[in-house]
Amino acid sequence: MRLDIPVELTRYRLVNQQTGEELPETHVKEDHIDLTFVPDDQRQVLYMQFNNLPIPPTPLFIIAEYQNYKKAPDQEDFIQQKLSKIFKGDPSKFLQALVPRTLDSDPDGPGTILSNMLSAMGIKSKPNCSCKKRAIYMNKMGNEWCEQNIGTILEWLKEEATKRKLPFIRSVAKMMVNKAISKSKRLLAKNEST
């Protein structure tokens, strides 16, 4: 599929949680998208497989739309109509949102800052813990969500401390989370003003 405006994407540094293998940050600029479509009749989903972009398989049609696609007299045209809506204008923003998020993709996010604070204290993410996923979720949801859900975040920290047989002092953990949120707000405001 040829694009009117070239797509520019960044896949941030990834670390395989099972093997520890690190994939470096990559920048991609393409003037076309090489797509393969993979139907899953059991789940009633048609996936887009991006062959030239660092994006995992992504649903194009789900359930009702998938059923309409299967009934369409010209399935290729049905797909093209959907793709023209999705890629109308500049598709970079849409496609970048499909690239897996990492802590590096949101360096000023509250989850990244909290993760860095814990790492500086010697408490590092382990391959089997959910720390990074939760930090990425905090970044995605933003500072306001973190403030409103500080109890949930503290429970996450307590759960991980228990797994690691580390002491957990709720008031200290709360102070760290608040400090991470405050720093994130400051950095994000600074970036917006420049």
N, C-alpha and C. Protein backbone atom coordinates (compact mmCIF):
# COMPACT_ATOMS: atom_id res chain seq x y z
N MET A 1 0.85 -1.17 0.00
CA MET A 1 0.00 0.00 0.00
C MET A 1 0.90 1.23 0.00
N ARG A 2 0.77 2.06 -1.03
CA ARG A 2 1.54 3.29 -1.14
C ARG A 2 0.91 4.37 -0.28
N LEU A 3 1.75 5.22 0.32
CA LEU A 3 1.28 6.29 1.20
C LEU A 3 1.56 7.65 0.59
N ASP A 4 0.62 8.59 0.77
CA ASP A 4 0.83 9.95 0.30
C ASP A 4 1.92 10.64 1.12
N ILE A 5 1.91 10.38 2.40
CA ILE A 5 2.90 10.97 3.31
C ILE A 5 3.69 9.82 3.92
N PRO A 6 5.03 9.84 3.84
CA PRO A 6 5.81 8.75 4.43
C PRO A 6 5.55 8.60 5.93
N VAL A 7 5.59 7.37 6.38
CA VAL A 7 5.40 7.05 7.79
C VAL A 7 6.75 7.07 8.48
N GLU A 8 6.80 7.73 9.64
CA GLU A 8 8.00 7.71 10.46
C GLU A 8 7.62 7.16 11.84
N LEU A 9 8.27 6.07 12.22
CA LEU A 9 7.97 5.41 13.49
C LEU A 9 9.25 5.17 14.28
N THR A 10 9.08 5.11 15.59
CA THR A 10 10.18 4.73 16.47
C THR A 10 9.75 3.52 17.28
N ARG A 11 10.58 2.48 17.22
CA ARG A 11 10.39 1.37 18.14
C ARG A 11 11.46 1.55 19.20
N TYR A 12 11.01 1.81 20.40
CA TYR A 12 11.93 2.07 21.49
C TYR A 12 12.61 0.79 21.92
N ARG A 13 13.71 0.94 22.62
CA ARG A 13 14.51 -0.19 23.09
C ARG A 13 13.59 -1.17 23.83
N LEU A 14 13.71 -2.43 23.45
CA LEU A 14 12.92 -3.49 24.08
C LEU A 14 13.85 -4.51 24.71
N VAL A 15 13.45 -5.05 25.85
CA VAL A 15 14.19 -6.13 26.48
C VAL A 15 13.23 -7.30 26.62
N ASN A 16 13.61 -8.44 26.04
CA ASN A 16 12.80 -9.64 26.15
C ASN A 16 12.81 -10.09 27.60
N GLN A 17 11.64 -10.12 28.24
CA GLN A 17 11.54 -10.42 29.66
C GLN A 17 11.98 -11.85 29.99
N GLN A 18 11.88 -12.79 29.04
CA GLN A 18 12.29 -14.17 29.32
C GLN A 18 13.79 -14.36 29.14
N THR A 19 14.33 -13.84 28.02
CA THR A 19 15.73 -14.12 27.70
C THR A 19 16.69 -13.01 28.13
N GLY A 20 16.16 -11.81 28.36
CA GLY A 20 17.03 -10.68 28.68
C GLY A 20 17.66 -10.05 27.45
N GLU A 21 17.35 -10.61 26.25
CA GLU A 21 17.90 -10.08 25.00
C GLU A 21 17.38 -8.66 24.78
N GLU A 22 18.27 -7.77 24.39
CA GLU A 22 17.90 -6.38 24.18
C GLU A 22 17.85 -6.06 22.69
N LEU A 23 16.74 -5.48 22.26
CA LEU A 23 16.61 -4.99 20.89
C LEU A 23 16.79 -3.48 20.94
N PRO A 24 17.74 -2.94 20.18
CA PRO A 24 17.99 -1.50 20.25
C PRO A 24 16.84 -0.69 19.67
N GLU A 25 16.83 0.59 20.01
CA GLU A 25 15.85 1.51 19.45
C GLU A 25 16.05 1.58 17.93
N THR A 26 14.95 1.57 17.19
CA THR A 26 15.05 1.69 15.73
C THR A 26 14.08 2.76 15.25
N HIS A 27 14.50 3.44 14.21
CA HIS A 27 13.67 4.45 13.56
C HIS A 27 13.39 3.95 12.14
N VAL A 28 12.14 4.04 11.76
CA VAL A 28 11.71 3.54 10.45
C VAL A 28 11.05 4.66 9.68
N LYS A 29 11.40 4.80 8.41
CA LYS A 29 10.72 5.74 7.52
C LYS A 29 10.37 4.96 6.26
N GLU A 30 9.10 4.88 5.97
CA GLU A 30 8.62 4.11 4.82
C GLU A 30 7.59 4.92 4.03
N ASP A 31 7.61 4.74 2.72
CA ASP A 31 6.60 5.39 1.88
C ASP A 31 5.53 4.40 1.45
N HIS A 32 5.61 3.19 1.99
CA HIS A 32 4.59 2.17 1.72
C HIS A 32 4.45 1.27 2.95
N ILE A 33 3.35 0.57 2.99
CA ILE A 33 3.11 -0.41 4.06
C ILE A 33 2.89 -1.75 3.39
N ASP A 34 3.69 -2.73 3.79
CA ASP A 34 3.57 -4.08 3.26
C ASP A 34 2.71 -4.87 4.24
N LEU A 35 1.47 -5.11 3.85
CA LEU A 35 0.49 -5.77 4.73
C LEU A 35 0.13 -7.17 4.24
N THR A 36 -0.05 -8.06 5.20
CA THR A 36 -0.63 -9.37 4.94
C THR A 36 -1.84 -9.46 5.87
N PHE A 37 -2.90 -10.06 5.40
CA PHE A 37 -4.11 -10.18 6.21
C PHE A 37 -4.28 -11.64 6.63
N VAL A 38 -4.49 -11.82 7.93
CA VAL A 38 -4.57 -13.17 8.49
C VAL A 38 -5.93 -13.34 9.17
N PRO A 39 -6.81 -14.14 8.58
CA PRO A 39 -8.13 -14.36 9.20
C PRO A 39 -8.05 -15.39 10.32
N ASP A 40 -8.84 -15.18 11.35
CA ASP A 40 -8.99 -16.14 12.44
C ASP A 40 -10.49 -16.36 12.60
N ASP A 41 -10.99 -17.39 11.91
CA ASP A 41 -12.42 -17.67 11.91
C ASP A 41 -12.95 -18.02 13.29
N GLN A 42 -12.13 -18.69 14.08
CA GLN A 42 -12.58 -19.09 15.42
C GLN A 42 -12.86 -17.86 16.28
N ARG A 43 -11.97 -16.88 16.27
CA ARG A 43 -12.15 -15.66 17.08
C ARG A 43 -12.93 -14.59 16.32
N GLN A 44 -13.15 -14.80 15.05
CA GLN A 44 -13.82 -13.84 14.16
C GLN A 44 -13.06 -12.51 14.14
N VAL A 45 -11.77 -12.61 13.76
CA VAL A 45 -10.91 -11.44 13.68
C VAL A 45 -10.07 -11.54 12.41
N LEU A 46 -9.92 -10.41 11.73
CA LEU A 46 -8.99 -10.33 10.61
C LEU A 46 -7.83 -9.46 11.07
N TYR A 47 -6.64 -10.05 11.13
CA TYR A 47 -5.45 -9.34 11.60
C TYR A 47 -4.69 -8.73 10.43
N MET A 48 -4.11 -7.56 10.69
CA MET A 48 -3.15 -6.96 9.76
C MET A 48 -1.77 -7.33 10.27
N GLN A 49 -0.97 -7.93 9.39
CA GLN A 49 0.42 -8.25 9.72
C GLN A 49 1.29 -7.24 8.97
N PHE A 50 2.01 -6.40 9.72
CA PHE A 50 2.88 -5.39 9.11
C PHE A 50 4.24 -6.03 8.85
N ASN A 51 4.57 -6.24 7.57
CA ASN A 51 5.80 -6.95 7.23
C ASN A 51 7.03 -6.04 7.21
N ASN A 52 6.84 -4.74 7.11
CA ASN A 52 7.99 -3.83 7.03
C ASN A 52 8.01 -2.79 8.15
N LEU A 53 7.16 -2.98 9.16
CA LEU A 53 7.12 -2.04 10.28
C LEU A 53 7.18 -2.81 11.60
N PRO A 54 7.76 -2.21 12.66
CA PRO A 54 7.89 -2.92 13.94
C PRO A 54 6.59 -2.90 14.76
N ILE A 55 5.54 -3.43 14.16
CA ILE A 55 4.21 -3.43 14.79
C ILE A 55 3.73 -4.87 14.86
N PRO A 56 3.22 -5.30 16.02
CA PRO A 56 2.69 -6.67 16.11
C PRO A 56 1.39 -6.80 15.31
N PRO A 57 0.97 -8.03 15.03
CA PRO A 57 -0.32 -8.22 14.34
C PRO A 57 -1.42 -7.46 15.06
N THR A 58 -2.24 -6.76 14.28
CA THR A 58 -3.26 -5.87 14.82
C THR A 58 -4.61 -6.17 14.19
N PRO A 59 -5.68 -6.27 15.00
CA PRO A 59 -7.00 -6.54 14.43
C PRO A 59 -7.47 -5.41 13.50
N LEU A 60 -7.98 -5.79 12.34
CA LEU A 60 -8.60 -4.82 11.42
C LEU A 60 -10.11 -4.93 11.54
N PHE A 61 -10.63 -6.16 11.54
CA PHE A 61 -12.06 -6.40 11.70
C PHE A 61 -12.27 -7.35 12.88
N ILE A 62 -13.25 -7.03 13.70
CA ILE A 62 -13.59 -7.88 14.84
C ILE A 62 -15.08 -8.18 14.81
N ILE A 63 -15.45 -9.39 15.03
CA ILE A 63 -16.80 -9.95 15.14
C ILE A 63 -17.77 -9.42 14.07
N ALA A 64 -18.59 -8.40 14.36
CA ALA A 64 -19.61 -7.96 13.39
C ALA A 64 -18.96 -7.49 12.09
N GLU A 65 -17.90 -6.68 12.19
CA GLU A 65 -17.21 -6.24 10.97
C GLU A 65 -16.58 -7.42 10.25
N TYR A 66 -16.09 -8.39 11.02
CA TYR A 66 -15.48 -9.58 10.43
C TYR A 66 -16.55 -10.37 9.66
N GLN A 67 -17.73 -10.48 10.24
CA GLN A 67 -18.82 -11.20 9.57
C GLN A 67 -19.22 -10.48 8.28
N ASN A 68 -19.27 -9.14 8.31
CA ASN A 68 -19.57 -8.37 7.10
C ASN A 68 -18.48 -8.56 6.05
N TYR A 69 -17.24 -8.60 6.51
CA TYR A 69 -16.10 -8.83 5.60
C TYR A 69 -16.24 -10.19 4.93
N LYS A 70 -16.57 -11.22 5.70
CA LYS A 70 -16.70 -12.58 5.15
C LYS A 70 -17.83 -12.67 4.13
N LYS A 71 -18.91 -11.85 4.33
CA LYS A 71 -20.06 -11.86 3.42
C LYS A 71 -19.87 -10.94 2.22
N ALA A 72 -18.88 -10.06 2.27
CA ALA A 72 -18.70 -9.06 1.21
C ALA A 72 -18.41 -9.72 -0.13
N PRO A 73 -19.07 -9.24 -1.20
CA PRO A 73 -18.83 -9.82 -2.52
C PRO A 73 -17.38 -9.58 -2.98
N ASP A 74 -16.80 -8.44 -2.57
CA ASP A 74 -15.42 -8.13 -2.92
C ASP A 74 -14.66 -7.83 -1.62
N GLN A 75 -14.08 -8.86 -1.04
CA GLN A 75 -13.41 -8.71 0.26
C GLN A 75 -12.22 -7.75 0.18
N GLU A 76 -11.53 -7.76 -0.94
CA GLU A 76 -10.38 -6.86 -1.10
C GLU A 76 -10.83 -5.41 -1.07
N ASP A 77 -11.93 -5.10 -1.73
CA ASP A 77 -12.47 -3.74 -1.73
C ASP A 77 -12.94 -3.36 -0.32
N PHE A 78 -13.54 -4.29 0.38
CA PHE A 78 -14.00 -4.07 1.75
C PHE A 78 -12.82 -3.67 2.65
N ILE A 79 -11.71 -4.38 2.48
CA ILE A 79 -10.49 -4.08 3.24
C ILE A 79 -9.96 -2.70 2.85
N GLN A 80 -9.91 -2.40 1.56
CA GLN A 80 -9.37 -1.12 1.08
C GLN A 80 -10.17 0.07 1.62
N GLN A 81 -11.49 -0.07 1.68
CA GLN A 81 -12.33 1.01 2.23
C GLN A 81 -11.97 1.29 3.69
N LYS A 82 -11.78 0.23 4.46
CA LYS A 82 -11.42 0.39 5.88
C LYS A 82 -10.02 1.02 6.00
N LEU A 83 -9.08 0.55 5.19
CA LEU A 83 -7.72 1.08 5.26
C LEU A 83 -7.67 2.55 4.88
N SER A 84 -8.49 2.95 3.87
CA SER A 84 -8.47 4.38 3.50
C SER A 84 -8.97 5.27 4.62
N LYS A 85 -9.92 4.77 5.42
CA LYS A 85 -10.38 5.54 6.58
C LYS A 85 -9.28 5.63 7.64
N ILE A 86 -8.63 4.50 7.90
CA ILE A 86 -7.59 4.45 8.93
C ILE A 86 -6.39 5.33 8.56
N PHE A 87 -5.96 5.23 7.32
CA PHE A 87 -4.73 5.91 6.90
C PHE A 87 -4.96 7.25 6.24
N LYS A 88 -6.15 7.80 6.40
CA LYS A 88 -6.47 9.11 5.84
C LYS A 88 -5.57 10.17 6.48
N GLY A 89 -5.01 11.06 5.67
CA GLY A 89 -4.13 12.09 6.21
C GLY A 89 -2.76 11.52 6.52
N ASP A 90 -2.27 11.78 7.72
CA ASP A 90 -0.94 11.31 8.15
C ASP A 90 -1.10 10.09 9.06
N PRO A 91 -0.76 8.90 8.56
CA PRO A 91 -0.97 7.69 9.35
C PRO A 91 0.08 7.45 10.44
N SER A 92 1.12 8.28 10.51
CA SER A 92 2.20 8.03 11.48
C SER A 92 1.69 7.95 12.91
N LYS A 93 0.80 8.86 13.29
CA LYS A 93 0.29 8.90 14.66
C LYS A 93 -0.47 7.61 14.98
N PHE A 94 -1.33 7.19 14.06
CA PHE A 94 -2.10 5.96 14.25
C PHE A 94 -1.16 4.76 14.39
N LEU A 95 -0.18 4.66 13.49
CA LEU A 95 0.72 3.52 13.50
C LEU A 95 1.66 3.54 14.71
N GLN A 96 2.13 4.73 15.11
CA GLN A 96 3.02 4.80 16.27
C GLN A 96 2.30 4.29 17.52
N ALA A 97 0.99 4.52 17.60
CA ALA A 97 0.22 4.04 18.75
C ALA A 97 0.17 2.51 18.80
N LEU A 98 0.41 1.84 17.66
CA LEU A 98 0.39 0.38 17.61
C LEU A 98 1.74 -0.24 17.99
N VAL A 99 2.80 0.58 17.99
CA VAL A 99 4.13 0.08 18.36
C VAL A 99 4.11 -0.20 19.87
N PRO A 100 4.61 -1.37 20.28
CA PRO A 100 4.59 -1.68 21.72
C PRO A 100 5.30 -0.59 22.55
N ARG A 101 4.65 -0.18 23.62
CA ARG A 101 5.20 0.84 24.50
C ARG A 101 6.24 0.23 25.42
N THR A 102 7.23 1.03 25.75
CA THR A 102 8.26 0.63 26.70
C THR A 102 8.47 1.80 27.66
N LEU A 103 9.27 1.59 28.68
CA LEU A 103 9.58 2.69 29.59
C LEU A 103 10.35 3.79 28.85
N ASP A 104 11.16 3.40 27.88
CA ASP A 104 11.91 4.40 27.09
C ASP A 104 11.01 5.28 26.24
N SER A 105 9.82 4.79 25.89
CA SER A 105 8.93 5.59 25.04
C SER A 105 8.29 6.73 25.82
N ASP A 106 8.29 6.65 27.14
CA ASP A 106 7.74 7.71 27.99
C ASP A 106 8.73 8.04 29.11
N PRO A 107 9.88 8.65 28.77
CA PRO A 107 10.90 8.87 29.80
C PRO A 107 10.45 9.79 30.93
N ASP A 108 9.45 10.64 30.67
CA ASP A 108 8.97 11.57 31.69
C ASP A 108 7.67 11.11 32.35
N GLY A 109 7.27 9.88 32.07
CA GLY A 109 6.04 9.35 32.65
C GLY A 109 6.24 8.96 34.11
N PRO A 110 5.18 8.97 34.91
CA PRO A 110 5.29 8.65 36.32
C PRO A 110 5.78 7.22 36.59
N GLY A 111 5.40 6.29 35.72
CA GLY A 111 5.85 4.90 35.90
C GLY A 111 7.34 4.76 35.65
N THR A 112 7.84 5.44 34.61
CA THR A 112 9.27 5.39 34.31
C THR A 112 10.07 6.02 35.44
N ILE A 113 9.60 7.16 35.93
CA ILE A 113 10.32 7.86 37.00
C ILE A 113 10.33 7.00 38.27
N LEU A 114 9.18 6.41 38.63
CA LEU A 114 9.13 5.55 39.81
C LEU A 114 10.05 4.34 39.62
N SER A 115 10.03 3.75 38.44
CA SER A 115 10.89 2.60 38.15
C SER A 115 12.37 2.98 38.29
N ASN A 116 12.74 4.17 37.80
CA ASN A 116 14.12 4.64 37.93
C ASN A 116 14.50 4.89 39.39
N MET A 117 13.57 5.42 40.16
CA MET A 117 13.82 5.66 41.58
C MET A 117 14.09 4.34 42.31
N LEU A 118 13.26 3.34 42.03
CA LEU A 118 13.43 2.03 42.66
C LEU A 118 14.74 1.38 42.22
N SER A 119 15.06 1.53 40.93
CA SER A 119 16.30 0.97 40.40
C SER A 119 17.52 1.61 41.06
N ALA A 120 17.46 2.93 41.31
CA ALA A 120 18.56 3.63 41.97
C ALA A 120 18.76 3.12 43.40
N MET A 121 17.70 2.56 43.98
CA MET A 121 17.79 2.00 45.34
C MET A 121 18.23 0.53 45.30
N GLY A 122 18.47 0.02 44.09
CA GLY A 122 18.88 -1.38 43.96
C GLY A 122 17.74 -2.35 43.74
N ILE A 123 16.53 -1.84 43.59
CA ILE A 123 15.36 -2.70 43.35
C ILE A 123 15.07 -2.66 41.85
N LYS A 124 15.54 -3.67 41.16
CA LYS A 124 15.44 -3.71 39.70
C LYS A 124 14.36 -4.69 39.26
N SER A 125 13.81 -4.42 38.07
CA SER A 125 12.79 -5.32 37.51
C SER A 125 13.41 -6.67 37.21
N LYS A 126 12.67 -7.72 37.54
CA LYS A 126 13.10 -9.07 37.22
C LYS A 126 12.29 -9.55 36.01
N PRO A 127 12.84 -10.53 35.26
CA PRO A 127 12.13 -11.00 34.07
C PRO A 127 10.71 -11.48 34.34
N ASN A 128 10.44 -12.05 35.52
CA ASN A 128 9.11 -12.63 35.77
C ASN A 128 8.18 -11.71 36.55
N CYS A 129 8.61 -10.48 36.84
CA CYS A 129 7.72 -9.60 37.61
C CYS A 129 6.90 -8.72 36.66
N SER A 130 5.85 -8.17 37.18
CA SER A 130 4.97 -7.34 36.35
C SER A 130 5.29 -5.86 36.50
N CYS A 131 6.45 -5.55 37.07
CA CYS A 131 6.82 -4.16 37.35
C CYS A 131 6.79 -3.28 36.11
N LYS A 132 7.47 -3.73 35.04
CA LYS A 132 7.55 -2.90 33.83
C LYS A 132 6.17 -2.70 33.22
N LYS A 133 5.37 -3.76 33.17
CA LYS A 133 4.02 -3.63 32.61
C LYS A 133 3.21 -2.61 33.39
N ARG A 134 3.33 -2.64 34.71
CA ARG A 134 2.59 -1.71 35.54
C ARG A 134 3.12 -0.29 35.39
N ALA A 135 4.44 -0.15 35.27
CA ALA A 135 5.02 1.19 35.06
C ALA A 135 4.58 1.75 33.72
N ILE A 136 4.55 0.92 32.69
CA ILE A 136 4.09 1.35 31.37
C ILE A 136 2.62 1.74 31.44
N TYR A 137 1.84 0.98 32.19
CA TYR A 137 0.42 1.30 32.37
C TYR A 137 0.26 2.65 33.08
N MET A 138 1.07 2.90 34.11
CA MET A 138 1.03 4.20 34.79
C MET A 138 1.32 5.33 33.81
N ASN A 139 2.32 5.13 32.95
CA ASN A 139 2.66 6.15 31.95
C ASN A 139 1.48 6.39 31.01
N LYS A 140 0.89 5.29 30.56
CA LYS A 140 -0.23 5.39 29.61
C LYS A 140 -1.41 6.13 30.23
N MET A 141 -1.71 5.83 31.48
CA MET A 141 -2.88 6.42 32.13
C MET A 141 -2.62 7.86 32.58
N GLY A 142 -1.37 8.20 32.86
CA GLY A 142 -1.03 9.59 33.17
C GLY A 142 -1.04 9.91 34.65
N ASN A 143 -0.57 11.11 34.94
CA ASN A 143 -0.40 11.55 36.32
C ASN A 143 -1.72 11.66 37.09
N GLU A 144 -2.75 12.16 36.43
CA GLU A 144 -4.03 12.32 37.12
C GLU A 144 -4.56 10.96 37.57
N TRP A 145 -4.48 9.97 36.67
CA TRP A 145 -4.93 8.62 37.03
C TRP A 145 -4.11 8.10 38.21
N CYS A 146 -2.79 8.31 38.16
CA CYS A 146 -1.92 7.82 39.24
C CYS A 146 -2.30 8.46 40.58
N GLU A 147 -2.60 9.75 40.56
CA GLU A 147 -3.02 10.42 41.80
C GLU A 147 -4.32 9.83 42.33
N GLN A 148 -5.26 9.59 41.43
CA GLN A 148 -6.57 9.06 41.84
C GLN A 148 -6.51 7.59 42.25
N ASN A 149 -5.47 6.88 41.81
CA ASN A 149 -5.37 5.45 42.06
C ASN A 149 -4.10 5.09 42.83
N ILE A 150 -3.67 5.99 43.67
CA ILE A 150 -2.43 5.75 44.42
C ILE A 150 -2.53 4.50 45.29
N GLY A 151 -3.72 4.21 45.79
CA GLY A 151 -3.93 2.99 46.59
C GLY A 151 -3.61 1.74 45.79
N THR A 152 -4.03 1.70 44.53
CA THR A 152 -3.75 0.57 43.65
C THR A 152 -2.24 0.43 43.43
N ILE A 153 -1.59 1.56 43.17
CA ILE A 153 -0.14 1.54 42.92
C ILE A 153 0.60 1.06 44.17
N LEU A 154 0.17 1.51 45.33
CA LEU A 154 0.79 1.06 46.58
C LEU A 154 0.60 -0.44 46.79
N GLU A 155 -0.56 -0.95 46.42
CA GLU A 155 -0.80 -2.40 46.52
C GLU A 155 0.13 -3.17 45.58
N TRP A 156 0.36 -2.62 44.39
CA TRP A 156 1.30 -3.25 43.45
C TRP A 156 2.69 -3.32 44.07
N LEU A 157 3.12 -2.19 44.66
CA LEU A 157 4.44 -2.15 45.28
C LEU A 157 4.54 -3.11 46.46
N LYS A 158 3.49 -3.17 47.25
CA LYS A 158 3.47 -4.09 48.40
C LYS A 158 3.54 -5.55 47.93
N GLU A 159 2.77 -5.86 46.90
CA GLU A 159 2.75 -7.22 46.34
C GLU A 159 4.16 -7.62 45.88
N GLU A 160 4.82 -6.71 45.18
CA GLU A 160 6.16 -7.02 44.66
C GLU A 160 7.17 -7.12 45.80
N ALA A 161 7.05 -6.25 46.80
CA ALA A 161 7.95 -6.32 47.97
C ALA A 161 7.78 -7.66 48.69
N THR A 162 6.55 -8.11 48.83
CA THR A 162 6.28 -9.40 49.48
C THR A 162 6.91 -10.53 48.69
N LYS A 163 6.76 -10.52 47.36
CA LYS A 163 7.36 -11.56 46.51
C LYS A 163 8.87 -11.60 46.68
N ARG A 164 9.47 -10.43 46.83
CA ARG A 164 10.94 -10.34 46.93
C ARG A 164 11.44 -10.43 48.37
N LYS A 165 10.50 -10.59 49.29
CA LYS A 165 10.84 -10.65 50.72
C LYS A 165 11.58 -9.39 51.17
N LEU A 166 11.05 -8.25 50.71
CA LEU A 166 11.60 -6.94 51.08
C LEU A 166 10.63 -6.26 52.05
N PRO A 167 11.14 -5.42 52.94
CA PRO A 167 10.22 -4.69 53.82
C PRO A 167 9.40 -3.69 53.00
N PHE A 168 8.17 -3.47 53.43
CA PHE A 168 7.31 -2.49 52.76
C PHE A 168 6.80 -1.51 53.80
N ILE A 169 7.15 -0.25 53.62
CA ILE A 169 6.67 0.81 54.51
C ILE A 169 5.77 1.70 53.67
N ARG A 170 4.48 1.60 53.94
CA ARG A 170 3.47 2.27 53.12
C ARG A 170 3.73 3.77 52.99
N SER A 171 4.06 4.45 54.08
CA SER A 171 4.27 5.90 54.03
C SER A 171 5.46 6.26 53.14
N VAL A 172 6.51 5.46 53.17
CA VAL A 172 7.69 5.71 52.31
C VAL A 172 7.32 5.46 50.85
N ALA A 173 6.61 4.36 50.60
CA ALA A 173 6.18 4.05 49.23
C ALA A 173 5.28 5.16 48.68
N LYS A 174 4.35 5.64 49.52
CA LYS A 174 3.44 6.71 49.08
C LYS A 174 4.22 7.98 48.77
N MET A 175 5.22 8.30 49.59
CA MET A 175 6.05 9.47 49.35
C MET A 175 6.79 9.34 48.01
N MET A 176 7.30 8.13 47.70
CA MET A 176 8.01 7.91 46.44
C MET A 176 7.08 8.06 45.24
N VAL A 177 5.89 7.49 45.35
CA VAL A 177 4.92 7.58 44.24
C VAL A 177 4.54 9.05 44.02
N ASN A 178 4.26 9.77 45.10
CA ASN A 178 3.92 11.19 44.97
C ASN A 178 5.08 11.99 44.37
N LYS A 179 6.29 11.66 44.76
CA LYS A 179 7.46 12.35 44.21
C LYS A 179 7.60 12.06 42.70
N ALA A 180 7.37 10.80 42.31
CA ALA A 180 7.43 10.43 40.89
C ALA A 180 6.38 11.19 40.08
N ILE A 181 5.18 11.29 40.63
CA ILE A 181 4.09 12.01 39.95
C ILE A 181 4.45 13.49 39.82
N SER A 182 4.93 14.06 40.91
CA SER A 182 5.29 15.48 40.92
C SER A 182 6.39 15.77 39.90
N LYS A 183 7.41 14.92 39.88
CA LYS A 183 8.51 15.12 38.93
C LYS A 183 8.02 14.96 37.50
N SER A 184 7.17 13.97 37.27
CA SER A 184 6.62 13.75 35.94
C SER A 184 5.84 14.98 35.46
N LYS A 185 5.01 15.53 36.34
CA LYS A 185 4.23 16.73 35.98
C LYS A 185 5.16 17.88 35.59
N ARG A 186 6.22 18.07 36.40
CA ARG A 186 7.18 19.15 36.14
C ARG A 186 7.86 18.97 34.79
N LEU A 187 8.34 17.75 34.53
CA LEU A 187 9.05 17.48 33.27
C LEU A 187 8.13 17.61 32.06
N LEU A 188 6.91 17.10 32.18
CA LEU A 188 5.96 17.19 31.07
C LEU A 188 5.58 18.65 30.80
N ALA A 189 5.38 19.45 31.85
CA ALA A 189 5.06 20.87 31.69
C ALA A 189 6.23 21.60 31.04
N LYS A 190 7.43 21.25 31.44
CA LYS A 190 8.63 21.88 30.87
C LYS A 190 8.75 21.55 29.38
N ASN A 191 8.49 20.29 29.02
CA ASN A 191 8.56 19.87 27.61
C ASN A 191 7.49 20.55 26.76
N GLU A 192 6.31 20.78 27.34
CA GLU A 192 5.23 21.45 26.60
C GLU A 192 5.57 22.91 26.33
N SER A 193 6.30 23.52 27.25
CA SER A 193 6.59 24.96 27.10
C SER A 193 7.75 25.22 26.15
N THR A 194 8.51 24.16 25.80
CA THR A 194 9.65 24.36 24.87
C THR A 194 9.31 24.00 23.47
